[in-house]
Amino acid sequence: MRAKDTLGQRGEELAAIFLTAGGIEIVDRNWRCPDGEIDLVGVDGETLVIVEVKTRSSLDYGDPLEAITPAKLARLYLLASRWRRASARHYPAFRVDAVSVLDNGSGAPVIEHLKEVAL
């Protein structure tokens, strides 16, 4: 496995732990369909939460959240509707969140959670 993939998986696991500690129940991970992939799917009360996780080992290439482009965000909203149709569960509301993980492996990772990222 490539170092980038290992870092990404670690970031998703750290994000899941962080979100769970904040009261969001993780109900799906790495859900895929022909249109793309959702990193994490969570539930916050009665709200479905689609989570994009961006992990970096440094800021050399910018803040992790800068990698969420308008096109990526639009795809996440599309994927949210696909997941909702594929799931047997019903949620009255949904939102798209983003989590950045900055983890250089030498100390505690820095995690930032942005709620309700809008188009």
C-alpha atoms as a PDB file:
ATOM      1  CA  MET A   1       0.000   0.000   0.000  1.00  0.00           C
ATOM      2  CA  ARG A   2       1.254   3.462  -0.864  1.00  0.00           C
ATOM      3  CA  ALA A   3       2.143   5.886   1.929  1.00  0.00           C
ATOM      4  CA  LYS A   4      -0.535   8.293   0.651  1.00  0.00           C
ATOM      5  CA  ASP A   5      -3.198   5.585   0.954  1.00  0.00           C
ATOM      6  CA  THR A   6      -2.050   4.653   4.451  1.00  0.00           C
ATOM      7  CA  LEU A   7      -2.158   8.321   5.496  1.00  0.00           C
ATOM      8  CA  GLY A   8      -5.657   8.681   4.031  1.00  0.00           C
ATOM      9  CA  GLN A   9      -6.946   5.605   5.848  1.00  0.00           C
ATOM     10  CA  ARG A  10      -5.428   6.820   9.120  1.00  0.00           C
ATOM     11  CA  GLY A  11      -7.041  10.228   8.586  1.00  0.00           C
ATOM     12  CA  GLU A  12     -10.450   8.665   7.992  1.00  0.00           C
ATOM     13  CA  GLU A  13     -10.110   6.569  11.151  1.00  0.00           C
ATOM     14  CA  LEU A  14      -9.062   9.624  13.200  1.00  0.00           C
ATOM     15  CA  ALA A  15     -11.957  11.612  11.732  1.00  0.00           C
ATOM     16  CA  ALA A  16     -14.415   8.832  12.615  1.00  0.00           C
ATOM     17  CA  ILE A  17     -13.153   8.744  16.208  1.00  0.00           C
ATOM     18  CA  PHE A  18     -13.325  12.545  16.438  1.00  0.00           C
ATOM     19  CA  LEU A  19     -16.869  12.699  15.044  1.00  0.00           C
ATOM     20  CA  THR A  20     -18.067   9.843  17.253  1.00  0.00           C
ATOM     21  CA  ALA A  21     -16.695  11.639  20.311  1.00  0.00           C
ATOM     22  CA  GLY A  22     -18.700  14.674  19.180  1.00  0.00           C
ATOM     23  CA  GLY A  23     -21.950  12.702  19.068  1.00  0.00           C
ATOM     24  CA  ILE A  24     -22.131  11.691  15.403  1.00  0.00           C
ATOM     25  CA  GLU A  25     -22.814   8.000  14.842  1.00  0.00           C
ATOM     26  CA  ILE A  26     -20.834   6.596  11.900  1.00  0.00           C
ATOM     27  CA  VAL A  27     -23.123   4.277   9.901  1.00  0.00           C
ATOM     28  CA  ASP A  28     -21.088   3.707   6.733  1.00  0.00           C
ATOM     29  CA  ARG A  29     -17.510   4.074   5.487  1.00  0.00           C
ATOM     30  CA  ASN A  30     -16.043   4.293   2.003  1.00  0.00           C
ATOM     31  CA  TRP A  31     -19.423   3.869   0.327  1.00  0.00           C
ATOM     32  CA  ARG A  32     -19.047   3.640  -3.433  1.00  0.00           C
ATOM     33  CA  CYS A  33     -21.277   3.904  -6.460  1.00  0.00           C
ATOM     34  CA  PRO A  34     -20.499   4.605 -10.129  1.00  0.00           C
ATOM     35  CA  ASP A  35     -20.501   8.361  -9.413  1.00  0.00           C
ATOM     36  CA  GLY A  36     -17.838   8.274  -6.681  1.00  0.00           C
ATOM     37  CA  GLU A  37     -17.148   7.554  -3.032  1.00  0.00           C
ATOM     38  CA  ILE A  38     -18.259   8.938   0.313  1.00  0.00           C
ATOM     39  CA  ASP A  39     -15.562   8.718   2.985  1.00  0.00           C
ATOM     40  CA  LEU A  40     -17.872   8.606   6.010  1.00  0.00           C
ATOM     41  CA  VAL A  41     -21.626   8.593   6.484  1.00  0.00           C
ATOM     42  CA  GLY A  42     -22.897   9.617   9.881  1.00  0.00           C
ATOM     43  CA  VAL A  43     -26.059  10.457  11.742  1.00  0.00           C
ATOM     44  CA  ASP A  44     -26.329  13.503  13.985  1.00  0.00           C
ATOM     45  CA  GLY A  45     -29.698  13.292  15.733  1.00  0.00           C
ATOM     46  CA  GLU A  46     -32.120  12.952  12.807  1.00  0.00           C
ATOM     47  CA  THR A  47     -29.710  14.436  10.264  1.00  0.00           C
ATOM     48  CA  LEU A  48     -27.778  12.360   7.760  1.00  0.00           C
ATOM     49  CA  VAL A  49     -24.190  13.633   7.573  1.00  0.00           C
ATOM     50  CA  ILE A  50     -22.029  13.027   4.497  1.00  0.00           C
ATOM     51  CA  VAL A  51     -18.387  13.556   5.465  1.00  0.00           C
ATOM     52  CA  GLU A  52     -15.434  14.297   3.203  1.00  0.00           C
ATOM     53  CA  VAL A  53     -12.113  13.700   4.956  1.00  0.00           C
ATOM     54  CA  LYS A  54      -8.928  15.360   3.729  1.00  0.00           C
ATOM     55  CA  THR A  55      -5.652  14.307   5.320  1.00  0.00           C
ATOM     56  CA  ARG A  56      -2.205  15.795   4.885  1.00  0.00           C
ATOM     57  CA  SER A  57       1.118  15.225   6.621  1.00  0.00           C
ATOM     58  CA  SER A  58       2.085  18.912   6.284  1.00  0.00           C
ATOM     59  CA  LEU A  59       0.868  22.210   4.934  1.00  0.00           C
ATOM     60  CA  ASP A  60       3.409  22.108   2.088  1.00  0.00           C
ATOM     61  CA  TYR A  61       0.596  21.733  -0.437  1.00  0.00           C
ATOM     62  CA  GLY A  62      -1.891  23.936   1.407  1.00  0.00           C
ATOM     63  CA  ASP A  63      -4.577  23.356   3.977  1.00  0.00           C
ATOM     64  CA  PRO A  64      -6.351  20.009   3.520  1.00  0.00           C
ATOM     65  CA  LEU A  65      -9.736  21.722   3.197  1.00  0.00           C
ATOM     66  CA  GLU A  66      -8.507  23.687   0.178  1.00  0.00           C
ATOM     67  CA  ALA A  67      -8.689  20.396  -1.751  1.00  0.00           C
ATOM     68  CA  ILE A  68     -12.499  20.471  -1.561  1.00  0.00           C
ATOM     69  CA  THR A  69     -13.348  22.238  -4.791  1.00  0.00           C
ATOM     70  CA  PRO A  70     -16.820  23.348  -5.889  1.00  0.00           C
ATOM     71  CA  ALA A  71     -16.887  20.365  -8.278  1.00  0.00           C
ATOM     72  CA  LYS A  72     -16.035  17.958  -5.438  1.00  0.00           C
ATOM     73  CA  LEU A  73     -18.694  19.527  -3.244  1.00  0.00           C
ATOM     74  CA  ALA A  74     -21.310  19.207  -5.988  1.00  0.00           C
ATOM     75  CA  ARG A  75     -20.354  15.534  -6.356  1.00  0.00           C
ATOM     76  CA  LEU A  76     -20.775  15.024  -2.599  1.00  0.00           C
ATOM     77  CA  TYR A  77     -24.314  16.391  -2.779  1.00  0.00           C
ATOM     78  CA  LEU A  78     -25.026  14.019  -5.678  1.00  0.00           C
ATOM     79  CA  LEU A  79     -23.525  11.102  -3.747  1.00  0.00           C
ATOM     80  CA  ALA A  80     -25.649  12.022  -0.719  1.00  0.00           C
ATOM     81  CA  SER A  81     -28.790  11.595  -2.811  1.00  0.00           C
ATOM     82  CA  ARG A  82     -27.463   8.287  -4.191  1.00  0.00           C
ATOM     83  CA  TRP A  83     -26.709   6.992  -0.683  1.00  0.00           C
ATOM     84  CA  ARG A  84     -30.143   8.047   0.557  1.00  0.00           C
ATOM     85  CA  ARG A  85     -31.810   6.099  -2.260  1.00  0.00           C
ATOM     86  CA  ALA A  86     -29.617   3.031  -1.695  1.00  0.00           C
ATOM     87  CA  SER A  87     -30.183   3.008   2.065  1.00  0.00           C
ATOM     88  CA  ALA A  88     -33.210   1.514   3.735  1.00  0.00           C
ATOM     89  CA  ARG A  89     -33.051   4.327   6.292  1.00  0.00           C
ATOM     90  CA  HIS A  90     -34.913   7.612   6.110  1.00  0.00           C
ATOM     91  CA  TYR A  91     -33.608  10.920   7.441  1.00  0.00           C
ATOM     92  CA  PRO A  92     -35.622  14.137   7.299  1.00  0.00           C
ATOM     93  CA  ALA A  93     -32.504  16.233   6.662  1.00  0.00           C
ATOM     94  CA  PHE A  94     -28.945  15.891   5.467  1.00  0.00           C
ATOM     95  CA  ARG A  95     -25.813  17.969   5.358  1.00  0.00           C
ATOM     96  CA  VAL A  96     -22.299  17.717   3.991  1.00  0.00           C
ATOM     97  CA  ASP A  97     -19.447  18.168   6.462  1.00  0.00           C
ATOM     98  CA  ALA A  98     -15.701  18.290   5.903  1.00  0.00           C
ATOM     99  CA  VAL A  99     -12.976  17.114   8.235  1.00  0.00           C
ATOM    100  CA  SER A 100      -9.323  18.012   7.805  1.00  0.00           C
ATOM    101  CA  VAL A 101      -6.645  15.957   9.479  1.00  0.00           C
ATOM    102  CA  LEU A 102      -3.092  17.251   9.689  1.00  0.00           C
ATOM    103  CA  ASP A 103      -0.920  14.364  10.868  1.00  0.00           C
ATOM    104  CA  ASN A 104       2.837  14.269  10.452  1.00  0.00           C
ATOM    105  CA  GLY A 105       3.165  11.178  12.660  1.00  0.00           C
ATOM    106  CA  SER A 106       5.289  12.896  15.300  1.00  0.00           C
ATOM    107  CA  GLY A 107       2.642  14.327  17.584  1.00  0.00           C
ATOM    108  CA  ALA A 108      -1.059  14.655  18.119  1.00  0.00           C
ATOM    109  CA  PRO A 109      -2.917  15.194  14.838  1.00  0.00           C
ATOM    110  CA  VAL A 110      -4.749  18.464  14.307  1.00  0.00           C
ATOM    111  CA  ILE A 111      -8.375  17.846  13.363  1.00  0.00           C
ATOM    112  CA  GLU A 112     -10.814  20.474  12.115  1.00  0.00           C
ATOM    113  CA  HIS A 113     -14.521  19.810  11.522  1.00  0.00           C
ATOM    114  CA  LEU A 114     -16.572  22.100   9.293  1.00  0.00           C
ATOM    115  CA  LYS A 115     -20.325  21.557   9.457  1.00  0.00           C
ATOM    116  CA  GLU A 116     -22.754  22.230   6.635  1.00  0.00           C
ATOM    117  CA  VAL A 117     -20.384  22.936   3.783  1.00  0.00           C
ATOM    118  CA  ALA A 118     -22.569  24.600   1.158  1.00  0.00           C
ATOM    119  CA  LEU A 119     -22.371  24.852  -2.602  1.00  0.00           C
END
